[in-house]
Every structure is written in structure tokens, then in C-alpha cells.
Amino acid sequence: MSRSQPDAQDYLNLFRIYGDDLGSLYREPDDDRYALLFEQIVRLLIKPSPFNRSLPEPFRVSARRYHEGDPARVKHLGHPANRHFMLCDLHDLIRLRSHVARSHRKDLP
């Protein structure tokens, strides 16, 4: 994670530390063991990179506002269930995109 411009692999490496299935986030919505993961993901999302610009804007805006200390965003993402929802959505999106990209590379002659 020393890169200045994060890509999909940086996110996947972080998520992999917590296991391939983040579904446990929903089973324990008040569990704070994913707080560090959330903070690390926010730090990646606020860095300018082509990959980050390809992600849906709401992820980037929420991360930036949270990082800047916007009271409404900090309050909203102060609830573990809201952080978990964001993490799971981002995790699923990045894994799906990575899977599609690998499939396209395999199909190329």
C-alpha cells in the first residue's frame, strides 16, 4: 500500500486480510472489529487515481467528507452498521470488476 495511486489490487489485498467473505459484517452489525479496515479503505478512497475515479462517486464523496470531519458524514458513518454496508458494497463491486477483468483477459487471443 505504498503506492500513491491505489488500484483494485490494493483494495483486494486489504479485504483479503479479513477473509474473502465479508458477509459476517451483517451478522455482527455492532461489532467494531472492522473499524481499522474502514479507516484504511477511506484512506485509499481519498487518494486520486484512475481506479478510484472509476468507482461510483458516492463512495469517494462519503470517504472524503468523513475524512474531512463533516459532522453529518462522521455521525452517519459512526454507526458500525453503516460502515459495514459501505464496506460490503465496495467489496462486492471491486471483486465483481476484478472477476470480469480476469474473464476478459482469458478471452483475449
N, C-alpha and C. Protein backbone atom coordinates (compact mmCIF):
# COMPACT_ATOMS: atom_id res chain seq x y z
N MET A 1 0.80 -1.18 0.00
CA MET A 1 0.00 0.00 0.00
C MET A 1 0.85 1.26 0.00
N SER A 2 2.04 1.16 -0.49
CA SER A 2 2.90 2.32 -0.53
C SER A 2 2.66 3.14 -1.79
N ARG A 3 1.83 2.63 -2.68
CA ARG A 3 1.55 3.35 -3.91
C ARG A 3 0.79 4.63 -3.65
N SER A 4 1.07 5.62 -4.47
CA SER A 4 0.35 6.88 -4.31
C SER A 4 -0.98 6.83 -5.06
N GLN A 5 -1.11 5.92 -6.02
CA GLN A 5 -2.35 5.80 -6.78
C GLN A 5 -2.91 4.38 -6.63
N PRO A 6 -3.83 4.21 -5.71
CA PRO A 6 -4.36 2.86 -5.46
C PRO A 6 -5.11 2.29 -6.67
N ASP A 7 -5.03 0.97 -6.77
CA ASP A 7 -5.79 0.27 -7.81
C ASP A 7 -6.59 -0.86 -7.15
N ALA A 8 -7.25 -1.64 -7.95
CA ALA A 8 -8.12 -2.70 -7.41
C ALA A 8 -7.36 -3.65 -6.51
N GLN A 9 -6.12 -3.96 -6.88
CA GLN A 9 -5.35 -4.92 -6.09
C GLN A 9 -5.07 -4.42 -4.67
N ASP A 10 -4.88 -3.12 -4.53
CA ASP A 10 -4.67 -2.57 -3.19
C ASP A 10 -5.88 -2.82 -2.30
N TYR A 11 -7.07 -2.61 -2.86
CA TYR A 11 -8.30 -2.86 -2.10
C TYR A 11 -8.46 -4.35 -1.81
N LEU A 12 -8.24 -5.17 -2.82
CA LEU A 12 -8.40 -6.61 -2.63
C LEU A 12 -7.44 -7.14 -1.58
N ASN A 13 -6.23 -6.63 -1.56
CA ASN A 13 -5.27 -7.07 -0.54
C ASN A 13 -5.76 -6.73 0.86
N LEU A 14 -6.32 -5.54 1.02
CA LEU A 14 -6.86 -5.16 2.34
C LEU A 14 -8.03 -6.05 2.72
N PHE A 15 -8.96 -6.23 1.81
CA PHE A 15 -10.13 -7.06 2.10
C PHE A 15 -9.72 -8.50 2.42
N ARG A 16 -8.72 -9.00 1.72
CA ARG A 16 -8.29 -10.39 1.90
C ARG A 16 -7.82 -10.65 3.34
N ILE A 17 -7.27 -9.65 3.98
CA ILE A 17 -6.83 -9.80 5.37
C ILE A 17 -8.00 -10.21 6.26
N TYR A 18 -9.20 -9.75 5.91
CA TYR A 18 -10.40 -10.03 6.71
C TYR A 18 -11.18 -11.23 6.19
N GLY A 19 -10.65 -11.91 5.19
CA GLY A 19 -11.31 -13.07 4.63
C GLY A 19 -12.05 -12.73 3.36
N ASP A 20 -12.30 -13.73 2.56
CA ASP A 20 -12.96 -13.50 1.28
C ASP A 20 -14.45 -13.19 1.41
N ASP A 21 -15.04 -13.61 2.50
CA ASP A 21 -16.47 -13.39 2.68
C ASP A 21 -16.70 -12.37 3.79
N LEU A 22 -17.08 -11.17 3.41
CA LEU A 22 -17.35 -10.14 4.41
C LEU A 22 -18.79 -10.20 4.89
N GLY A 23 -19.49 -11.26 4.55
CA GLY A 23 -20.87 -11.42 4.98
C GLY A 23 -21.03 -11.42 6.49
N SER A 24 -19.97 -11.77 7.20
CA SER A 24 -20.05 -11.77 8.66
C SER A 24 -20.27 -10.37 9.21
N LEU A 25 -19.99 -9.36 8.40
CA LEU A 25 -20.25 -7.98 8.83
C LEU A 25 -21.72 -7.80 9.19
N TYR A 26 -22.59 -8.42 8.42
CA TYR A 26 -24.02 -8.25 8.65
C TYR A 26 -24.53 -9.06 9.83
N ARG A 27 -23.83 -10.15 10.12
CA ARG A 27 -24.26 -10.97 11.24
C ARG A 27 -23.91 -10.33 12.59
N GLU A 28 -22.92 -9.46 12.59
CA GLU A 28 -22.48 -8.79 13.80
C GLU A 28 -22.44 -7.28 13.54
N PRO A 29 -23.58 -6.64 13.29
CA PRO A 29 -23.57 -5.25 12.83
C PRO A 29 -22.99 -4.24 13.82
N ASP A 30 -22.95 -4.57 15.09
CA ASP A 30 -22.40 -3.61 16.06
C ASP A 30 -20.96 -3.93 16.43
N ASP A 31 -20.40 -4.94 15.76
CA ASP A 31 -19.03 -5.35 16.02
C ASP A 31 -18.08 -4.32 15.40
N ASP A 32 -17.11 -3.87 16.17
CA ASP A 32 -16.21 -2.82 15.71
C ASP A 32 -14.88 -3.36 15.20
N ARG A 33 -14.79 -4.68 14.97
CA ARG A 33 -13.51 -5.23 14.55
C ARG A 33 -13.13 -4.83 13.13
N TYR A 34 -14.08 -4.26 12.39
CA TYR A 34 -13.79 -3.81 11.03
C TYR A 34 -13.50 -2.32 10.97
N ALA A 35 -13.38 -1.68 12.10
CA ALA A 35 -13.14 -0.23 12.13
C ALA A 35 -11.81 0.13 11.46
N LEU A 36 -10.78 -0.66 11.70
CA LEU A 36 -9.49 -0.38 11.08
C LEU A 36 -9.58 -0.56 9.57
N LEU A 37 -10.25 -1.61 9.14
CA LEU A 37 -10.43 -1.82 7.70
C LEU A 37 -11.13 -0.61 7.09
N PHE A 38 -12.18 -0.14 7.74
CA PHE A 38 -12.91 1.02 7.23
C PHE A 38 -11.98 2.22 7.10
N GLU A 39 -11.19 2.50 8.12
CA GLU A 39 -10.27 3.65 8.09
C GLU A 39 -9.25 3.49 6.96
N GLN A 40 -8.76 2.29 6.75
CA GLN A 40 -7.79 2.06 5.67
C GLN A 40 -8.44 2.24 4.30
N ILE A 41 -9.66 1.77 4.16
CA ILE A 41 -10.38 1.92 2.90
C ILE A 41 -10.64 3.40 2.62
N VAL A 42 -11.02 4.14 3.64
CA VAL A 42 -11.25 5.59 3.47
C VAL A 42 -9.97 6.25 2.96
N ARG A 43 -8.84 5.89 3.55
CA ARG A 43 -7.56 6.48 3.13
C ARG A 43 -7.25 6.16 1.68
N LEU A 44 -7.61 4.96 1.23
CA LEU A 44 -7.41 4.62 -0.19
C LEU A 44 -8.36 5.42 -1.07
N LEU A 45 -9.62 5.50 -0.66
CA LEU A 45 -10.63 6.16 -1.48
C LEU A 45 -10.36 7.64 -1.70
N ILE A 46 -9.69 8.29 -0.78
CA ILE A 46 -9.48 9.73 -0.93
C ILE A 46 -8.26 10.05 -1.79
N LYS A 47 -7.47 9.05 -2.13
CA LYS A 47 -6.31 9.28 -2.98
C LYS A 47 -6.75 9.35 -4.44
N PRO A 48 -6.19 10.32 -5.17
CA PRO A 48 -6.54 10.40 -6.59
C PRO A 48 -5.87 9.27 -7.38
N SER A 49 -6.66 8.58 -8.17
CA SER A 49 -6.13 7.53 -9.03
C SER A 49 -7.16 7.23 -10.12
N PRO A 50 -6.71 6.72 -11.25
CA PRO A 50 -7.66 6.33 -12.29
C PRO A 50 -8.68 5.31 -11.78
N PHE A 51 -8.20 4.35 -10.98
CA PHE A 51 -9.13 3.35 -10.46
C PHE A 51 -10.19 3.99 -9.57
N ASN A 52 -9.76 4.84 -8.66
CA ASN A 52 -10.72 5.49 -7.76
C ASN A 52 -11.73 6.32 -8.55
N ARG A 53 -11.27 7.00 -9.58
CA ARG A 53 -12.21 7.79 -10.40
C ARG A 53 -13.22 6.90 -11.11
N SER A 54 -12.89 5.62 -11.29
CA SER A 54 -13.82 4.71 -11.95
C SER A 54 -14.89 4.18 -10.99
N LEU A 55 -14.67 4.39 -9.69
CA LEU A 55 -15.64 3.93 -8.70
C LEU A 55 -16.81 4.91 -8.62
N PRO A 56 -17.98 4.43 -8.24
CA PRO A 56 -19.13 5.34 -8.10
C PRO A 56 -18.80 6.51 -7.16
N GLU A 57 -19.22 7.67 -7.57
CA GLU A 57 -18.92 8.90 -6.83
C GLU A 57 -19.35 8.85 -5.36
N PRO A 58 -20.50 8.27 -5.02
CA PRO A 58 -20.90 8.26 -3.61
C PRO A 58 -19.86 7.65 -2.66
N PHE A 59 -19.12 6.65 -3.11
CA PHE A 59 -18.07 6.08 -2.27
C PHE A 59 -16.99 7.12 -2.00
N ARG A 60 -16.55 7.78 -3.06
CA ARG A 60 -15.46 8.76 -2.93
C ARG A 60 -15.89 9.98 -2.13
N VAL A 61 -17.11 10.45 -2.38
CA VAL A 61 -17.61 11.63 -1.66
C VAL A 61 -17.77 11.33 -0.18
N SER A 62 -18.35 10.18 0.13
CA SER A 62 -18.53 9.80 1.55
C SER A 62 -17.19 9.69 2.25
N ALA A 63 -16.23 9.06 1.58
CA ALA A 63 -14.90 8.91 2.19
C ALA A 63 -14.25 10.27 2.41
N ARG A 64 -14.32 11.13 1.42
CA ARG A 64 -13.70 12.45 1.54
C ARG A 64 -14.36 13.26 2.66
N ARG A 65 -15.68 13.26 2.70
CA ARG A 65 -16.38 14.03 3.74
C ARG A 65 -16.10 13.46 5.13
N TYR A 66 -16.06 12.16 5.23
CA TYR A 66 -15.75 11.52 6.51
C TYR A 66 -14.34 11.91 6.95
N HIS A 67 -13.41 11.79 6.03
CA HIS A 67 -12.01 12.11 6.33
C HIS A 67 -11.83 13.58 6.72
N GLU A 68 -12.61 14.46 6.10
CA GLU A 68 -12.53 15.89 6.40
C GLU A 68 -13.27 16.26 7.68
N GLY A 69 -13.99 15.31 8.27
CA GLY A 69 -14.68 15.55 9.52
C GLY A 69 -16.05 16.19 9.39
N ASP A 70 -16.67 16.05 8.21
CA ASP A 70 -18.03 16.58 8.03
C ASP A 70 -18.94 15.97 9.09
N PRO A 71 -19.56 16.83 9.94
CA PRO A 71 -20.34 16.30 11.07
C PRO A 71 -21.43 15.30 10.68
N ALA A 72 -22.15 15.57 9.61
CA ALA A 72 -23.21 14.64 9.21
C ALA A 72 -22.65 13.30 8.76
N ARG A 73 -21.55 13.35 8.00
CA ARG A 73 -20.95 12.10 7.49
C ARG A 73 -20.30 11.33 8.63
N VAL A 74 -19.63 12.02 9.54
CA VAL A 74 -19.00 11.35 10.68
C VAL A 74 -20.06 10.70 11.55
N LYS A 75 -21.17 11.40 11.76
CA LYS A 75 -22.25 10.82 12.56
C LYS A 75 -22.82 9.58 11.89
N HIS A 76 -23.09 9.69 10.58
CA HIS A 76 -23.67 8.57 9.83
C HIS A 76 -22.73 7.36 9.84
N LEU A 77 -21.48 7.60 9.52
CA LEU A 77 -20.52 6.50 9.45
C LEU A 77 -19.94 6.14 10.81
N GLY A 78 -20.37 6.84 11.84
CA GLY A 78 -20.01 6.47 13.20
C GLY A 78 -20.73 5.22 13.67
N HIS A 79 -21.79 4.85 12.98
CA HIS A 79 -22.54 3.64 13.30
C HIS A 79 -21.91 2.46 12.54
N PRO A 80 -21.47 1.43 13.25
CA PRO A 80 -20.84 0.30 12.57
C PRO A 80 -21.68 -0.28 11.44
N ALA A 81 -22.98 -0.36 11.59
CA ALA A 81 -23.81 -0.95 10.54
C ALA A 81 -23.70 -0.15 9.24
N ASN A 82 -23.60 1.17 9.32
CA ASN A 82 -23.45 2.00 8.12
C ASN A 82 -22.07 1.82 7.48
N ARG A 83 -21.05 1.73 8.32
CA ARG A 83 -19.70 1.47 7.79
C ARG A 83 -19.66 0.10 7.12
N HIS A 84 -20.28 -0.88 7.75
CA HIS A 84 -20.28 -2.24 7.21
C HIS A 84 -21.00 -2.29 5.87
N PHE A 85 -22.10 -1.58 5.77
CA PHE A 85 -22.84 -1.54 4.50
C PHE A 85 -21.96 -0.98 3.39
N MET A 86 -21.27 0.12 3.68
CA MET A 86 -20.38 0.73 2.69
C MET A 86 -19.25 -0.23 2.31
N LEU A 87 -18.63 -0.86 3.32
CA LEU A 87 -17.54 -1.79 3.05
C LEU A 87 -18.00 -2.97 2.20
N CYS A 88 -19.14 -3.52 2.53
CA CYS A 88 -19.65 -4.68 1.78
C CYS A 88 -19.97 -4.31 0.34
N ASP A 89 -20.60 -3.17 0.14
CA ASP A 89 -20.90 -2.73 -1.22
C ASP A 89 -19.63 -2.52 -2.04
N LEU A 90 -18.66 -1.86 -1.45
CA LEU A 90 -17.41 -1.61 -2.14
C LEU A 90 -16.67 -2.92 -2.41
N HIS A 91 -16.64 -3.79 -1.44
CA HIS A 91 -16.00 -5.10 -1.58
C HIS A 91 -16.63 -5.87 -2.75
N ASP A 92 -17.94 -5.94 -2.78
CA ASP A 92 -18.63 -6.69 -3.84
C ASP A 92 -18.36 -6.07 -5.21
N LEU A 93 -18.39 -4.75 -5.29
CA LEU A 93 -18.15 -4.07 -6.56
C LEU A 93 -16.74 -4.34 -7.07
N ILE A 94 -15.76 -4.21 -6.22
CA ILE A 94 -14.36 -4.40 -6.64
C ILE A 94 -14.10 -5.85 -7.01
N ARG A 95 -14.63 -6.78 -6.24
CA ARG A 95 -14.46 -8.20 -6.59
C ARG A 95 -15.13 -8.52 -7.92
N LEU A 96 -16.32 -7.99 -8.13
CA LEU A 96 -17.02 -8.24 -9.39
C LEU A 96 -16.23 -7.67 -10.56
N ARG A 97 -15.78 -6.44 -10.43
CA ARG A 97 -14.99 -5.83 -11.51
C ARG A 97 -13.70 -6.61 -11.77
N SER A 98 -13.06 -7.07 -10.74
CA SER A 98 -11.82 -7.83 -10.90
C SER A 98 -12.09 -9.16 -11.59
N HIS A 99 -13.18 -9.80 -11.22
CA HIS A 99 -13.55 -11.07 -11.84
C HIS A 99 -13.85 -10.86 -13.33
N VAL A 100 -14.58 -9.82 -13.65
CA VAL A 100 -14.92 -9.52 -15.04
C VAL A 100 -13.64 -9.22 -15.83
N ALA A 101 -12.75 -8.44 -15.25
CA ALA A 101 -11.49 -8.11 -15.93
C ALA A 101 -10.66 -9.35 -16.20
N ARG A 102 -10.60 -10.27 -15.23
CA ARG A 102 -9.85 -11.53 -15.44
C ARG A 102 -10.49 -12.36 -16.53
N SER A 103 -11.81 -12.40 -16.56
CA SER A 103 -12.51 -13.16 -17.59
C SER A 103 -12.24 -12.60 -18.97
N HIS A 104 -12.21 -11.28 -19.08
CA HIS A 104 -11.93 -10.65 -20.37
C HIS A 104 -10.50 -10.94 -20.83
N ARG A 105 -9.56 -10.96 -19.91
CA ARG A 105 -8.17 -11.25 -20.27
C ARG A 105 -8.03 -12.69 -20.76
N LYS A 106 -8.77 -13.61 -20.15
CA LYS A 106 -8.72 -15.01 -20.57
C LYS A 106 -9.31 -15.20 -21.97
N ASP A 107 -10.30 -14.36 -22.31
CA ASP A 107 -10.98 -14.49 -23.60
C ASP A 107 -10.17 -13.90 -24.75
N LEU A 108 -9.18 -13.08 -24.43
CA LEU A 108 -8.39 -12.45 -25.47
C LEU A 108 -7.44 -13.47 -26.10
N PRO A 109 -7.25 -13.37 -27.42
CA PRO A 109 -6.34 -14.32 -28.10
C PRO A 109 -4.89 -14.11 -27.72
